[in-house]
């Protein structure tokens, strides 16, 4: 998730912003309330903290196993058709 910072604040704290970007943070820079730039690491990769990396690994394991929905088998087309039928209903 990106942090939002004004252009003035980014200019005044540029060194701090760069340190945070090196640590994996991203900034959206605004001028007069409108986003005008994004400050990210040069390689475009976010550096995760050990806690974030552990959470990512846990989330991937959960996704591999899936969540029991107890609704039987279904596919996207059936869900879409059900919504159409309900809307027209």
C-alpha atoms as a PDB file:
ATOM      1  CA  UNK A   1       0.000   0.000   0.000  1.00  0.00           C
ATOM      2  CA  UNK A   2       1.346   3.389  -0.985  1.00  0.00           C
ATOM      3  CA  UNK A   3       1.715   6.342   1.310  1.00  0.00           C
ATOM      4  CA  UNK A   4       0.378   9.665   0.041  1.00  0.00           C
ATOM      5  CA  UNK A   5       2.551  12.733   0.523  1.00  0.00           C
ATOM      6  CA  UNK A   6       2.325  16.286  -0.766  1.00  0.00           C
ATOM      7  CA  UNK A   7       4.960  17.584  -3.143  1.00  0.00           C
ATOM      8  CA  UNK A   8       6.062  20.123  -0.551  1.00  0.00           C
ATOM      9  CA  UNK A   9       6.440  17.474   2.173  1.00  0.00           C
ATOM     10  CA  UNK A  10       8.302  15.162  -0.211  1.00  0.00           C
ATOM     11  CA  UNK A  11      10.665  17.987  -1.126  1.00  0.00           C
ATOM     12  CA  UNK A  12      11.331  18.850   2.515  1.00  0.00           C
ATOM     13  CA  UNK A  13      11.867  15.214   3.560  1.00  0.00           C
ATOM     14  CA  UNK A  14      13.356  13.804   0.376  1.00  0.00           C
ATOM     15  CA  UNK A  15      16.192  11.893   2.098  1.00  0.00           C
ATOM     16  CA  UNK A  16      13.716  10.228   4.469  1.00  0.00           C
ATOM     17  CA  UNK A  17      11.457   9.314   1.539  1.00  0.00           C
ATOM     18  CA  UNK A  18      14.394   7.726  -0.291  1.00  0.00           C
ATOM     19  CA  UNK A  19      15.357   5.703   2.810  1.00  0.00           C
ATOM     20  CA  UNK A  20      11.779   4.459   3.101  1.00  0.00           C
ATOM     21  CA  UNK A  21      11.655   3.583  -0.599  1.00  0.00           C
ATOM     22  CA  UNK A  22      14.878   1.605  -0.190  1.00  0.00           C
ATOM     23  CA  UNK A  23      13.122  -0.277   2.626  1.00  0.00           C
ATOM     24  CA  UNK A  24      10.235  -1.140   0.289  1.00  0.00           C
ATOM     25  CA  UNK A  25       7.787   1.727   0.818  1.00  0.00           C
ATOM     26  CA  UNK A  26       6.024   3.455  -2.066  1.00  0.00           C
ATOM     27  CA  UNK A  27       4.820   7.064  -2.182  1.00  0.00           C
ATOM     28  CA  UNK A  28       2.164   8.799  -4.228  1.00  0.00           C
ATOM     29  CA  UNK A  29       3.097  12.473  -4.508  1.00  0.00           C
ATOM     30  CA  UNK A  30       0.263  14.972  -4.806  1.00  0.00           C
ATOM     31  CA  UNK A  31       0.019  18.598  -5.894  1.00  0.00           C
ATOM     32  CA  UNK A  32      -3.121  20.487  -4.913  1.00  0.00           C
ATOM     33  CA  UNK A  33      -4.721  17.188  -3.890  1.00  0.00           C
ATOM     34  CA  UNK A  34      -4.148  15.501  -7.273  1.00  0.00           C
ATOM     35  CA  UNK A  35      -1.726  12.579  -7.686  1.00  0.00           C
ATOM     36  CA  UNK A  36       1.114  13.653  -9.974  1.00  0.00           C
ATOM     37  CA  UNK A  37       3.904  11.117  -9.370  1.00  0.00           C
ATOM     38  CA  UNK A  38       4.800   7.835  -7.754  1.00  0.00           C
ATOM     39  CA  UNK A  39       8.101   7.212  -5.972  1.00  0.00           C
ATOM     40  CA  UNK A  40       9.137   3.535  -6.049  1.00  0.00           C
ATOM     41  CA  UNK A  41      12.405   1.620  -5.988  1.00  0.00           C
ATOM     42  CA  UNK A  42      14.390   1.629  -9.228  1.00  0.00           C
ATOM     43  CA  UNK A  43      14.033  -2.127  -9.718  1.00  0.00           C
ATOM     44  CA  UNK A  44      10.295  -1.905  -9.070  1.00  0.00           C
ATOM     45  CA  UNK A  45      10.456  -4.628  -6.444  1.00  0.00           C
ATOM     46  CA  UNK A  46       9.163  -4.145  -2.956  1.00  0.00           C
ATOM     47  CA  UNK A  47      11.450  -5.364  -0.174  1.00  0.00           C
ATOM     48  CA  UNK A  48       9.418  -7.208   2.442  1.00  0.00           C
ATOM     49  CA  UNK A  49      10.189  -7.239   6.121  1.00  0.00           C
ATOM     50  CA  UNK A  50      10.636 -10.686   7.683  1.00  0.00           C
ATOM     51  CA  UNK A  51       7.114 -10.450   9.166  1.00  0.00           C
ATOM     52  CA  UNK A  52       5.634  -9.492   5.779  1.00  0.00           C
ATOM     53  CA  UNK A  53       7.487 -12.324   4.052  1.00  0.00           C
ATOM     54  CA  UNK A  54       6.221 -14.834   6.644  1.00  0.00           C
ATOM     55  CA  UNK A  55       2.659 -13.555   6.139  1.00  0.00           C
ATOM     56  CA  UNK A  56       3.055 -13.871   2.354  1.00  0.00           C
ATOM     57  CA  UNK A  57       4.231 -17.480   2.696  1.00  0.00           C
ATOM     58  CA  UNK A  58       1.287 -18.318   4.995  1.00  0.00           C
ATOM     59  CA  UNK A  59      -1.180 -16.695   2.601  1.00  0.00           C
ATOM     60  CA  UNK A  60       0.221 -18.639  -0.365  1.00  0.00           C
ATOM     61  CA  UNK A  61      -0.109 -21.915   1.553  1.00  0.00           C
ATOM     62  CA  UNK A  62      -3.728 -21.128   2.441  1.00  0.00           C
ATOM     63  CA  UNK A  63      -4.478 -20.248  -1.188  1.00  0.00           C
ATOM     64  CA  UNK A  64      -2.971 -23.553  -2.375  1.00  0.00           C
ATOM     65  CA  UNK A  65      -5.234 -25.468   0.027  1.00  0.00           C
ATOM     66  CA  UNK A  66      -8.289 -23.346  -0.726  1.00  0.00           C
ATOM     67  CA  UNK A  67     -11.170 -22.459   1.543  1.00  0.00           C
ATOM     68  CA  UNK A  68     -14.088 -24.801   2.119  1.00  0.00           C
ATOM     69  CA  UNK A  69     -17.185 -22.963   0.893  1.00  0.00           C
ATOM     70  CA  UNK A  70     -19.569 -25.915   1.338  1.00  0.00           C
ATOM     71  CA  UNK A  71     -21.488 -24.986  -1.807  1.00  0.00           C
ATOM     72  CA  UNK A  72     -20.499 -27.841  -4.075  1.00  0.00           C
ATOM     73  CA  UNK A  73     -18.859 -27.368  -7.431  1.00  0.00           C
ATOM     74  CA  UNK A  74     -19.503 -24.208  -9.408  1.00  0.00           C
ATOM     75  CA  UNK A  75     -17.934 -22.165 -12.138  1.00  0.00           C
ATOM     76  CA  UNK A  76     -17.890 -18.521 -13.113  1.00  0.00           C
ATOM     77  CA  UNK A  77     -20.387 -18.932 -15.961  1.00  0.00           C
ATOM     78  CA  UNK A  78     -22.968 -20.465 -13.617  1.00  0.00           C
ATOM     79  CA  UNK A  79     -22.538 -17.638 -11.110  1.00  0.00           C
ATOM     80  CA  UNK A  80     -22.810 -15.037 -13.864  1.00  0.00           C
ATOM     81  CA  UNK A  81     -25.944 -16.663 -15.283  1.00  0.00           C
ATOM     82  CA  UNK A  82     -27.501 -16.838 -11.815  1.00  0.00           C
ATOM     83  CA  UNK A  83     -26.964 -13.106 -11.354  1.00  0.00           C
ATOM     84  CA  UNK A  84     -28.493 -12.362 -14.755  1.00  0.00           C
ATOM     85  CA  UNK A  85     -31.509 -14.523 -13.941  1.00  0.00           C
ATOM     86  CA  UNK A  86     -31.881 -12.830 -10.555  1.00  0.00           C
ATOM     87  CA  UNK A  87     -31.616  -9.372 -12.133  1.00  0.00           C
ATOM     88  CA  UNK A  88     -34.211 -10.154 -14.812  1.00  0.00           C
ATOM     89  CA  UNK A  89     -36.336 -12.114 -12.360  1.00  0.00           C
END
